[in-house]
Amino acid sequence: MKLSKNWREHKWEFIDWKIEYQKILICMILILPIPIELIEKVLEFIPRGNFINGIPTYISGKKNKITIDLRGMNRKDVSLNGIHFTNLNINYSKFVRCKFGSVQLKKTIIYGCTFEECIFKSASISGCQFLRCTFLECTLNSNDAYHKTTFSNCIMDGTRFNRLNMNFFKFIDCSMKKCQFRQSFMDNCNFMRCNNHRTLFHFRMNNCLFEECDLSASKISALDVIRLQCIGCNLESAILRDIDFRWANFEKSNLKNADFERSLFKFCSFRDNNLKGTNFSNTEFF
């Protein structure tokens, strides 16, 4: 494993901490006349873990974020189930056909990494930031709720989001062509300047924003959509049939040839739109 300069400066090694941690604790108890509670508090700041397939099972930055630089490393067909990456920066890593089962990535910054045909099943990504990452044919699958996760300047074409509860997610300047959101719930999520061409959305949506996004030829099949904001978006030839829209706003969006057949609009706003060829047959407005 190749580590960054910041990591080397700490001169920390990941060895069998199950043994070393016990040795340190015993020595401190025998030598120092201080309460065991205080000793355990001090030991919280010592990094510890075991290796699984060459990767530590537990890495934490605690006070200062530690950077792991795996530039050039290509991990194929590796199971990373149960590994904890907490409060870290992970840079320039490549993972091919890896399984991230119940992996802890909370408050981790992942920069310039590539994930190819990877499966994130019940991986905890709340508070995680993916910056300039590439996802190729990956799947995020979980019944858990995720909060405040950010994807910025990422390539995510063909990524599948299955059964996710997504709260306060942000997708900024991402390429998300032909992505699939199935059986998911979105609450207070923002999509800004994203390319969602031919994306499939099948979910429940509450108070979500799409700003200057390309949703052309996309298909939205949702049970209900509450307070959807589509500002300056391109929905040309998009399919949005049989949807219950409530308090939706399509201001300055291109709705040319969009299909809203059998949809229901309650308290919705259309302003400065291109409605050429838009299909509103069998729709109701309130």
C-alpha atoms as a PDB file:
ATOM      1  CA  MET A   1       0.000   0.000   0.000  1.00  0.00           C
ATOM      2  CA  LYS A   2       1.373   3.404  -0.995  1.00  0.00           C
ATOM      3  CA  LEU A   3       0.742   6.075   1.611  1.00  0.00           C
ATOM      4  CA  SER A   4       0.863   9.857   1.309  1.00  0.00           C
ATOM      5  CA  LYS A   5       3.589  12.085   2.723  1.00  0.00           C
ATOM      6  CA  ASN A   6       1.216  13.248   5.446  1.00  0.00           C
ATOM      7  CA  TRP A   7       0.746   9.630   6.447  1.00  0.00           C
ATOM      8  CA  ARG A   8       4.513   8.966   6.621  1.00  0.00           C
ATOM      9  CA  GLU A   9       5.036  11.995   8.842  1.00  0.00           C
ATOM     10  CA  HIS A  10       2.896  10.343  11.500  1.00  0.00           C
ATOM     11  CA  LYS A  11       5.109   7.234  11.336  1.00  0.00           C
ATOM     12  CA  TRP A  12       2.155   5.011  12.182  1.00  0.00           C
ATOM     13  CA  GLU A  13       2.129   1.381  11.111  1.00  0.00           C
ATOM     14  CA  PHE A  14      -0.832  -0.910  10.821  1.00  0.00           C
ATOM     15  CA  ILE A  15       0.199  -4.145  12.497  1.00  0.00           C
ATOM     16  CA  ASP A  16      -1.676  -6.655  14.582  1.00  0.00           C
ATOM     17  CA  TRP A  17      -3.161  -4.145  16.979  1.00  0.00           C
ATOM     18  CA  LYS A  18      -5.208  -6.792  18.765  1.00  0.00           C
ATOM     19  CA  ILE A  19      -1.935  -7.819  20.436  1.00  0.00           C
ATOM     20  CA  GLU A  20      -0.145  -4.457  20.546  1.00  0.00           C
ATOM     21  CA  TYR A  21      -3.171  -2.635  21.931  1.00  0.00           C
ATOM     22  CA  GLN A  22      -3.405  -5.135  24.773  1.00  0.00           C
ATOM     23  CA  LYS A  23       0.333  -4.794  25.533  1.00  0.00           C
ATOM     24  CA  ILE A  24       0.136  -1.014  25.713  1.00  0.00           C
ATOM     25  CA  LEU A  25      -2.916  -1.149  27.953  1.00  0.00           C
ATOM     26  CA  ILE A  26      -1.316  -3.653  30.350  1.00  0.00           C
ATOM     27  CA  CYS A  27       1.927  -1.630  30.578  1.00  0.00           C
ATOM     28  CA  MET A  28       0.068   1.572  31.334  1.00  0.00           C
ATOM     29  CA  ILE A  29      -1.990  -0.112  34.035  1.00  0.00           C
ATOM     30  CA  LEU A  30       1.134  -1.560  35.708  1.00  0.00           C
ATOM     31  CA  ILE A  31       3.329   1.530  35.453  1.00  0.00           C
ATOM     32  CA  LEU A  32       1.071   4.558  35.670  1.00  0.00           C
ATOM     33  CA  PRO A  33      -1.060   5.230  38.767  1.00  0.00           C
ATOM     34  CA  ILE A  34      -3.979   6.664  36.809  1.00  0.00           C
ATOM     35  CA  PRO A  35      -7.582   5.493  36.426  1.00  0.00           C
ATOM     36  CA  ILE A  36      -8.351   2.943  33.704  1.00  0.00           C
ATOM     37  CA  GLU A  37     -10.999   5.297  32.261  1.00  0.00           C
ATOM     38  CA  LEU A  38      -8.360   7.903  31.496  1.00  0.00           C
ATOM     39  CA  ILE A  39      -6.044   5.315  29.931  1.00  0.00           C
ATOM     40  CA  GLU A  40      -8.793   4.141  27.585  1.00  0.00           C
ATOM     41  CA  LYS A  41      -9.535   7.753  26.676  1.00  0.00           C
ATOM     42  CA  VAL A  42      -5.910   8.298  25.683  1.00  0.00           C
ATOM     43  CA  LEU A  43      -5.816   5.085  23.659  1.00  0.00           C
ATOM     44  CA  GLU A  44      -8.756   6.276  21.567  1.00  0.00           C
ATOM     45  CA  PHE A  45      -6.294   8.409  19.602  1.00  0.00           C
ATOM     46  CA  ILE A  46      -4.101   5.443  18.645  1.00  0.00           C
ATOM     47  CA  PRO A  47      -4.972   4.055  15.169  1.00  0.00           C
ATOM     48  CA  ARG A  48      -5.523   0.343  15.222  1.00  0.00           C
ATOM     49  CA  GLY A  49      -6.786  -2.380  12.954  1.00  0.00           C
ATOM     50  CA  ASN A  50      -6.094  -5.605  11.091  1.00  0.00           C
ATOM     51  CA  PHE A  51      -5.298  -6.238   7.465  1.00  0.00           C
ATOM     52  CA  ILE A  52      -7.845  -7.886   5.186  1.00  0.00           C
ATOM     53  CA  ASN A  53      -6.601  -8.409   1.641  1.00  0.00           C
ATOM     54  CA  GLY A  54      -3.905  -5.825   2.291  1.00  0.00           C
ATOM     55  CA  ILE A  55      -6.295  -3.153   3.588  1.00  0.00           C
ATOM     56  CA  PRO A  56      -6.698  -2.209   7.269  1.00  0.00           C
ATOM     57  CA  THR A  57     -10.085  -3.070   8.737  1.00  0.00           C
ATOM     58  CA  TYR A  58     -10.182   0.140  10.742  1.00  0.00           C
ATOM     59  CA  ILE A  59      -8.645   3.478   9.857  1.00  0.00           C
ATOM     60  CA  SER A  60      -9.586   6.707  11.574  1.00  0.00           C
ATOM     61  CA  GLY A  61      -8.160  10.198  11.510  1.00  0.00           C
ATOM     62  CA  LYS A  62      -9.655  11.341  14.827  1.00  0.00           C
ATOM     63  CA  LYS A  63      -8.187  14.846  15.270  1.00  0.00           C
ATOM     64  CA  ASN A  64      -6.505  15.229  11.872  1.00  0.00           C
ATOM     65  CA  LYS A  65      -7.734  13.666   8.678  1.00  0.00           C
ATOM     66  CA  ILE A  66      -5.280  11.112   7.343  1.00  0.00           C
ATOM     67  CA  THR A  67      -4.762  10.649   3.621  1.00  0.00           C
ATOM     68  CA  ILE A  68      -4.456   7.238   1.988  1.00  0.00           C
ATOM     69  CA  ASP A  69      -2.896   7.475  -1.473  1.00  0.00           C
ATOM     70  CA  LEU A  70      -3.326   4.286  -3.487  1.00  0.00           C
ATOM     71  CA  ARG A  71      -2.387   5.887  -6.796  1.00  0.00           C
ATOM     72  CA  GLY A  72      -1.848   3.208  -9.389  1.00  0.00           C
ATOM     73  CA  MET A  73      -3.183   0.424  -7.194  1.00  0.00           C
ATOM     74  CA  ASN A  74      -5.790  -1.738  -8.891  1.00  0.00           C
ATOM     75  CA  ARG A  75      -7.803  -3.990  -6.602  1.00  0.00           C
ATOM     76  CA  LYS A  76      -9.809  -6.614  -8.466  1.00  0.00           C
ATOM     77  CA  ASP A  77     -12.448  -8.968  -7.164  1.00  0.00           C
ATOM     78  CA  VAL A  78     -11.835  -8.036  -3.539  1.00  0.00           C
ATOM     79  CA  SER A  79     -14.395  -8.321  -0.764  1.00  0.00           C
ATOM     80  CA  LEU A  80     -14.147  -5.303   1.519  1.00  0.00           C
ATOM     81  CA  ASN A  81     -17.084  -6.316   3.697  1.00  0.00           C
ATOM     82  CA  GLY A  82     -17.129  -4.754   7.139  1.00  0.00           C
ATOM     83  CA  ILE A  83     -14.090  -2.498   6.683  1.00  0.00           C
ATOM     84  CA  HIS A  84     -14.236   0.900   8.415  1.00  0.00           C
ATOM     85  CA  PHE A  85     -12.881   4.015   6.701  1.00  0.00           C
ATOM     86  CA  THR A  86     -13.854   6.854   9.037  1.00  0.00           C
ATOM     87  CA  ASN A  87     -12.994  10.544   8.784  1.00  0.00           C
ATOM     88  CA  LEU A  88     -10.381  10.014   6.051  1.00  0.00           C
ATOM     89  CA  ASN A  89      -9.240  11.244   2.674  1.00  0.00           C
ATOM     90  CA  ILE A  90      -8.874   8.491   0.059  1.00  0.00           C
ATOM     91  CA  ASN A  91      -7.194   9.640  -3.163  1.00  0.00           C
ATOM     92  CA  TYR A  92      -6.531   8.230  -6.638  1.00  0.00           C
ATOM     93  CA  SER A  93      -7.578   4.652  -5.889  1.00  0.00           C
ATOM     94  CA  LYS A  94      -9.016   2.194  -8.374  1.00  0.00           C
ATOM     95  CA  PHE A  95     -11.386  -0.599  -7.374  1.00  0.00           C
ATOM     96  CA  VAL A  96     -12.578  -3.175  -9.918  1.00  0.00           C
ATOM     97  CA  ARG A  97     -15.407  -5.617  -9.139  1.00  0.00           C
ATOM     98  CA  CYS A  98     -15.106  -4.972  -5.411  1.00  0.00           C
ATOM     99  CA  LYS A  99     -17.885  -5.631  -2.927  1.00  0.00           C
ATOM    100  CA  PHE A 100     -18.398  -2.925  -0.301  1.00  0.00           C
ATOM    101  CA  GLY A 101     -20.728  -4.767   2.076  1.00  0.00           C
ATOM    102  CA  SER A 102     -21.525  -2.872   5.307  1.00  0.00           C
ATOM    103  CA  VAL A 103     -18.425  -0.735   4.762  1.00  0.00           C
ATOM    104  CA  GLN A 104     -18.227   2.406   6.908  1.00  0.00           C
ATOM    105  CA  LEU A 105     -17.366   5.488   4.833  1.00  0.00           C
ATOM    106  CA  LYS A 106     -18.880   8.134   7.100  1.00  0.00           C
ATOM    107  CA  LYS A 107     -17.424  11.633   6.759  1.00  0.00           C
ATOM    108  CA  THR A 108     -14.799  10.363   4.328  1.00  0.00           C
ATOM    109  CA  ILE A 109     -13.567  12.439   1.381  1.00  0.00           C
ATOM    110  CA  ILE A 110     -12.919  10.321  -1.708  1.00  0.00           C
ATOM    111  CA  TYR A 111     -11.080  12.159  -4.490  1.00  0.00           C
ATOM    112  CA  GLY A 112     -10.164  11.066  -8.001  1.00  0.00           C
ATOM    113  CA  CYS A 113     -11.072   7.410  -7.418  1.00  0.00           C
ATOM    114  CA  THR A 114     -12.439   4.927  -9.944  1.00  0.00           C
ATOM    115  CA  PHE A 115     -15.028   2.274  -9.088  1.00  0.00           C
ATOM    116  CA  GLU A 116     -15.688  -0.249 -11.850  1.00  0.00           C
ATOM    117  CA  GLU A 117     -18.476  -2.830 -11.539  1.00  0.00           C
ATOM    118  CA  CYS A 118     -18.483  -2.390  -7.757  1.00  0.00           C
ATOM    119  CA  ILE A 119     -21.388  -3.176  -5.454  1.00  0.00           C
ATOM    120  CA  PHE A 120     -22.100  -0.983  -2.438  1.00  0.00           C
ATOM    121  CA  LYS A 121     -24.535  -3.093  -0.441  1.00  0.00           C
ATOM    122  CA  SER A 122     -25.620  -1.525   2.855  1.00  0.00           C
ATOM    123  CA  ALA A 123     -22.454   0.573   2.799  1.00  0.00           C
ATOM    124  CA  SER A 124     -22.702   3.568   5.106  1.00  0.00           C
ATOM    125  CA  ILE A 125     -21.944   6.691   3.055  1.00  0.00           C
ATOM    126  CA  SER A 126     -23.642   9.351   5.180  1.00  0.00           C
ATOM    127  CA  GLY A 127     -21.622  12.550   5.185  1.00  0.00           C
ATOM    128  CA  CYS A 128     -19.287  11.143   2.543  1.00  0.00           C
ATOM    129  CA  GLN A 129     -17.972  13.310  -0.306  1.00  0.00           C
ATOM    130  CA  PHE A 130     -17.133  11.817  -3.707  1.00  0.00           C
ATOM    131  CA  LEU A 131     -15.103  14.383  -5.666  1.00  0.00           C
ATOM    132  CA  ARG A 132     -14.081  13.839  -9.316  1.00  0.00           C
ATOM    133  CA  CYS A 133     -14.720  10.102  -9.026  1.00  0.00           C
ATOM    134  CA  THR A 134     -15.731   7.699 -11.777  1.00  0.00           C
ATOM    135  CA  PHE A 135     -18.376   5.002 -11.320  1.00  0.00           C
ATOM    136  CA  LEU A 136     -18.653   2.478 -14.158  1.00  0.00           C
ATOM    137  CA  GLU A 137     -21.613   0.086 -14.011  1.00  0.00           C
ATOM    138  CA  CYS A 138     -21.769   0.241 -10.211  1.00  0.00           C
ATOM    139  CA  THR A 139     -24.694  -0.548  -7.908  1.00  0.00           C
ATOM    140  CA  LEU A 140     -25.669   1.150  -4.649  1.00  0.00           C
ATOM    141  CA  ASN A 141     -28.147  -1.052  -2.869  1.00  0.00           C
ATOM    142  CA  SER A 142     -29.497  -0.627   0.656  1.00  0.00           C
ATOM    143  CA  ASN A 143     -32.639  -0.303   2.735  1.00  0.00           C
ATOM    144  CA  ASP A 144     -30.917   2.103   5.117  1.00  0.00           C
ATOM    145  CA  ALA A 145     -31.260   5.885   5.182  1.00  0.00           C
ATOM    146  CA  TYR A 146     -28.316   7.963   4.009  1.00  0.00           C
ATOM    147  CA  HIS A 147     -27.820  11.627   4.875  1.00  0.00           C
ATOM    148  CA  LYS A 148     -25.848  14.549   3.426  1.00  0.00           C
ATOM    149  CA  THR A 149     -23.817  12.665   0.838  1.00  0.00           C
ATOM    150  CA  THR A 150     -22.234  14.718  -1.964  1.00  0.00           C
ATOM    151  CA  PHE A 151     -21.198  13.715  -5.478  1.00  0.00           C
ATOM    152  CA  SER A 152     -19.337  16.523  -7.265  1.00  0.00           C
ATOM    153  CA  ASN A 153     -17.841  16.448 -10.784  1.00  0.00           C
ATOM    154  CA  CYS A 154     -18.319  12.675 -10.927  1.00  0.00           C
ATOM    155  CA  ILE A 155     -18.904  10.413 -13.917  1.00  0.00           C
ATOM    156  CA  MET A 156     -21.676   8.028 -12.909  1.00  0.00           C
ATOM    157  CA  ASP A 157     -23.066   6.833 -16.249  1.00  0.00           C
ATOM    158  CA  GLY A 158     -25.062   3.628 -15.886  1.00  0.00           C
ATOM    159  CA  THR A 159     -24.919   3.596 -12.068  1.00  0.00           C
ATOM    160  CA  ARG A 160     -27.852   1.861 -10.353  1.00  0.00           C
ATOM    161  CA  PHE A 161     -29.389   3.235  -7.145  1.00  0.00           C
ATOM    162  CA  ASN A 162     -31.703   0.559  -5.718  1.00  0.00           C
ATOM    163  CA  ARG A 163     -33.909   0.832  -2.615  1.00  0.00           C
ATOM    164  CA  LEU A 164     -32.098   3.860  -1.190  1.00  0.00           C
ATOM    165  CA  ASN A 165     -33.477   6.378   1.264  1.00  0.00           C
ATOM    166  CA  MET A 166     -31.619   9.489   0.167  1.00  0.00           C
ATOM    167  CA  ASN A 167     -31.793  12.542   2.417  1.00  0.00           C
ATOM    168  CA  PHE A 168     -30.056  15.855   1.630  1.00  0.00           C
ATOM    169  CA  PHE A 169     -27.983  14.341  -1.182  1.00  0.00           C
ATOM    170  CA  LYS A 170     -26.185  16.665  -3.596  1.00  0.00           C
ATOM    171  CA  PHE A 171     -25.218  15.850  -7.172  1.00  0.00           C
ATOM    172  CA  ILE A 172     -23.186  18.728  -8.644  1.00  0.00           C
ATOM    173  CA  ASP A 173     -21.834  18.862 -12.221  1.00  0.00           C
ATOM    174  CA  CYS A 174     -22.132  15.085 -12.597  1.00  0.00           C
ATOM    175  CA  SER A 175     -22.586  12.975 -15.715  1.00  0.00           C
ATOM    176  CA  MET A 176     -25.397  10.548 -14.880  1.00  0.00           C
ATOM    177  CA  LYS A 177     -26.514   9.330 -18.292  1.00  0.00           C
ATOM    178  CA  LYS A 178     -28.617   6.156 -18.230  1.00  0.00           C
ATOM    179  CA  CYS A 179     -28.557   5.939 -14.437  1.00  0.00           C
ATOM    180  CA  GLN A 180     -31.356   4.049 -12.702  1.00  0.00           C
ATOM    181  CA  PHE A 181     -33.069   5.071  -9.465  1.00  0.00           C
ATOM    182  CA  ARG A 182     -35.399   2.211  -8.538  1.00  0.00           C
ATOM    183  CA  GLN A 183     -37.677   1.861  -5.503  1.00  0.00           C
ATOM    184  CA  SER A 184     -35.920   4.744  -3.806  1.00  0.00           C
ATOM    185  CA  PHE A 185     -37.039   7.730  -1.764  1.00  0.00           C
ATOM    186  CA  MET A 186     -35.545  11.193  -2.186  1.00  0.00           C
ATOM    187  CA  ASP A 187     -36.003  13.902   0.402  1.00  0.00           C
ATOM    188  CA  ASN A 188     -34.437  17.368   0.042  1.00  0.00           C
ATOM    189  CA  CYS A 189     -32.010  16.249  -2.681  1.00  0.00           C
ATOM    190  CA  ASN A 190     -30.361  18.648  -5.136  1.00  0.00           C
ATOM    191  CA  PHE A 191     -29.209  18.003  -8.695  1.00  0.00           C
ATOM    192  CA  MET A 192     -27.254  20.946 -10.130  1.00  0.00           C
ATOM    193  CA  ARG A 193     -25.981  21.108 -13.730  1.00  0.00           C
ATOM    194  CA  CYS A 194     -26.116  17.327 -14.115  1.00  0.00           C
ATOM    195  CA  ASN A 195     -26.494  15.336 -17.310  1.00  0.00           C
ATOM    196  CA  ASN A 196     -29.366  12.927 -16.628  1.00  0.00           C
ATOM    197  CA  HIS A 197     -30.026  12.004 -20.264  1.00  0.00           C
ATOM    198  CA  ARG A 198     -32.102   8.813 -20.489  1.00  0.00           C
ATOM    199  CA  THR A 199     -32.100   8.366 -16.714  1.00  0.00           C
ATOM    200  CA  LEU A 200     -34.787   6.221 -15.123  1.00  0.00           C
ATOM    201  CA  PHE A 201     -36.394   7.524 -11.930  1.00  0.00           C
ATOM    202  CA  HIS A 202     -38.793   5.229 -10.088  1.00  0.00           C
ATOM    203  CA  PHE A 203     -39.205   6.607  -6.592  1.00  0.00           C
ATOM    204  CA  ARG A 204     -41.021   8.860  -4.170  1.00  0.00           C
ATOM    205  CA  MET A 205     -39.782  12.438  -4.117  1.00  0.00           C
ATOM    206  CA  ASN A 206     -40.177  15.264  -1.621  1.00  0.00           C
ATOM    207  CA  ASN A 207     -38.803  18.801  -1.892  1.00  0.00           C
ATOM    208  CA  CYS A 208     -36.121  18.073  -4.506  1.00  0.00           C
ATOM    209  CA  LEU A 209     -34.379  20.514  -6.828  1.00  0.00           C
ATOM    210  CA  PHE A 210     -33.159  20.007 -10.397  1.00  0.00           C
ATOM    211  CA  GLU A 211     -31.348  23.124 -11.597  1.00  0.00           C
ATOM    212  CA  GLU A 212     -30.034  23.462 -15.173  1.00  0.00           C
ATOM    213  CA  CYS A 213     -30.043  19.680 -15.617  1.00  0.00           C
ATOM    214  CA  ASP A 214     -30.414  17.739 -18.854  1.00  0.00           C
ATOM    215  CA  LEU A 215     -33.307  15.342 -18.294  1.00  0.00           C
ATOM    216  CA  SER A 216     -33.989  14.774 -21.985  1.00  0.00           C
ATOM    217  CA  ALA A 217     -35.492  11.408 -22.898  1.00  0.00           C
ATOM    218  CA  SER A 218     -35.562  10.457 -19.217  1.00  0.00           C
ATOM    219  CA  LYS A 219     -38.390   8.485 -17.682  1.00  0.00           C
ATOM    220  CA  ILE A 220     -39.874   9.463 -14.345  1.00  0.00           C
ATOM    221  CA  SER A 221     -42.247   6.939 -12.862  1.00  0.00           C
ATOM    222  CA  ALA A 222     -43.076   7.934  -9.314  1.00  0.00           C
ATOM    223  CA  LEU A 223     -45.866   7.321  -6.859  1.00  0.00           C
ATOM    224  CA  ASP A 224     -45.995  10.962  -5.893  1.00  0.00           C
ATOM    225  CA  VAL A 225     -43.832  14.034  -6.353  1.00  0.00           C
ATOM    226  CA  ILE A 226     -44.123  16.816  -3.768  1.00  0.00           C
ATOM    227  CA  ARG A 227     -42.523  20.239  -4.211  1.00  0.00           C
ATOM    228  CA  LEU A 228     -40.382  19.313  -7.193  1.00  0.00           C
ATOM    229  CA  GLN A 229     -38.357  22.252  -8.525  1.00  0.00           C
ATOM    230  CA  CYS A 230     -37.178  21.937 -12.151  1.00  0.00           C
ATOM    231  CA  ILE A 231     -35.528  25.275 -12.861  1.00  0.00           C
ATOM    232  CA  GLY A 232     -33.984  25.854 -16.281  1.00  0.00           C
ATOM    233  CA  CYS A 233     -33.931  22.140 -17.116  1.00  0.00           C
ATOM    234  CA  ASN A 234     -34.185  20.333 -20.423  1.00  0.00           C
ATOM    235  CA  LEU A 235     -37.014  17.766 -20.314  1.00  0.00           C
ATOM    236  CA  GLU A 236     -37.377  17.361 -24.049  1.00  0.00           C
ATOM    237  CA  SER A 237     -39.040  14.037 -24.907  1.00  0.00           C
ATOM    238  CA  ALA A 238     -39.071  13.054 -21.232  1.00  0.00           C
ATOM    239  CA  ILE A 239     -41.780  10.629 -20.086  1.00  0.00           C
ATOM    240  CA  LEU A 240     -43.595  11.705 -16.923  1.00  0.00           C
ATOM    241  CA  ARG A 241     -46.857   9.777 -17.055  1.00  0.00           C
ATOM    242  CA  ASP A 242     -49.289   8.885 -14.245  1.00  0.00           C
ATOM    243  CA  ILE A 243     -47.581  11.097 -11.660  1.00  0.00           C
ATOM    244  CA  ASP A 244     -49.219  13.035  -8.849  1.00  0.00           C
ATOM    245  CA  PHE A 245     -47.418  16.401  -8.970  1.00  0.00           C
ATOM    246  CA  ARG A 246     -48.054  18.700  -5.992  1.00  0.00           C
ATOM    247  CA  TRP A 247     -46.547  22.188  -5.697  1.00  0.00           C
ATOM    248  CA  ALA A 248     -44.192  21.485  -8.609  1.00  0.00           C
ATOM    249  CA  ASN A 249     -42.355  24.280 -10.410  1.00  0.00           C
ATOM    250  CA  PHE A 250     -41.139  23.921 -14.017  1.00  0.00           C
ATOM    251  CA  GLU A 251     -39.919  27.490 -14.456  1.00  0.00           C
ATOM    252  CA  LYS A 252     -37.791  28.231 -17.573  1.00  0.00           C
ATOM    253  CA  SER A 253     -37.643  24.542 -18.496  1.00  0.00           C
ATOM    254  CA  ASN A 254     -37.806  23.058 -21.972  1.00  0.00           C
ATOM    255  CA  LEU A 255     -40.819  20.719 -22.049  1.00  0.00           C
ATOM    256  CA  LYS A 256     -40.825  20.158 -25.805  1.00  0.00           C
ATOM    257  CA  ASN A 257     -42.448  16.793 -26.671  1.00  0.00           C
ATOM    258  CA  ALA A 258     -42.565  15.848 -22.977  1.00  0.00           C
ATOM    259  CA  ASP A 259     -45.286  13.339 -22.124  1.00  0.00           C
ATOM    260  CA  PHE A 260     -47.397  14.112 -19.009  1.00  0.00           C
ATOM    261  CA  GLU A 261     -50.288  11.822 -19.949  1.00  0.00           C
ATOM    262  CA  ARG A 262     -52.708  10.953 -17.110  1.00  0.00           C
ATOM    263  CA  SER A 263     -50.740  13.012 -14.585  1.00  0.00           C
ATOM    264  CA  LEU A 264     -52.302  15.134 -11.875  1.00  0.00           C
ATOM    265  CA  PHE A 265     -51.136  18.707 -11.196  1.00  0.00           C
ATOM    266  CA  LYS A 266     -52.015  20.421  -7.925  1.00  0.00           C
ATOM    267  CA  PHE A 267     -50.799  23.975  -7.290  1.00  0.00           C
ATOM    268  CA  CYS A 268     -48.088  23.661  -9.959  1.00  0.00           C
ATOM    269  CA  SER A 269     -46.305  26.457 -11.801  1.00  0.00           C
ATOM    270  CA  PHE A 270     -45.347  26.700 -15.488  1.00  0.00           C
ATOM    271  CA  ARG A 271     -43.497  29.858 -16.531  1.00  0.00           C
ATOM    272  CA  ASP A 272     -41.322  30.716 -19.557  1.00  0.00           C
ATOM    273  CA  ASN A 273     -41.580  27.158 -20.903  1.00  0.00           C
ATOM    274  CA  ASN A 274     -41.253  25.644 -24.351  1.00  0.00           C
ATOM    275  CA  LEU A 275     -44.438  23.573 -24.578  1.00  0.00           C
ATOM    276  CA  LYS A 276     -44.232  22.685 -28.264  1.00  0.00           C
ATOM    277  CA  GLY A 277     -45.582  19.170 -28.724  1.00  0.00           C
ATOM    278  CA  THR A 278     -46.050  18.607 -24.965  1.00  0.00           C
ATOM    279  CA  ASN A 279     -48.638  15.922 -24.223  1.00  0.00           C
ATOM    280  CA  PHE A 280     -51.110  16.860 -21.477  1.00  0.00           C
ATOM    281  CA  SER A 281     -53.830  14.430 -22.528  1.00  0.00           C
ATOM    282  CA  ASN A 282     -56.061  13.060 -19.759  1.00  0.00           C
ATOM    283  CA  THR A 283     -54.327  15.281 -17.182  1.00  0.00           C
ATOM    284  CA  GLU A 284     -56.015  17.282 -14.441  1.00  0.00           C
ATOM    285  CA  PHE A 285     -55.024  20.708 -13.113  1.00  0.00           C
ATOM    286  CA  PHE A 286     -56.071  22.135  -9.756  1.00  0.00           C
END
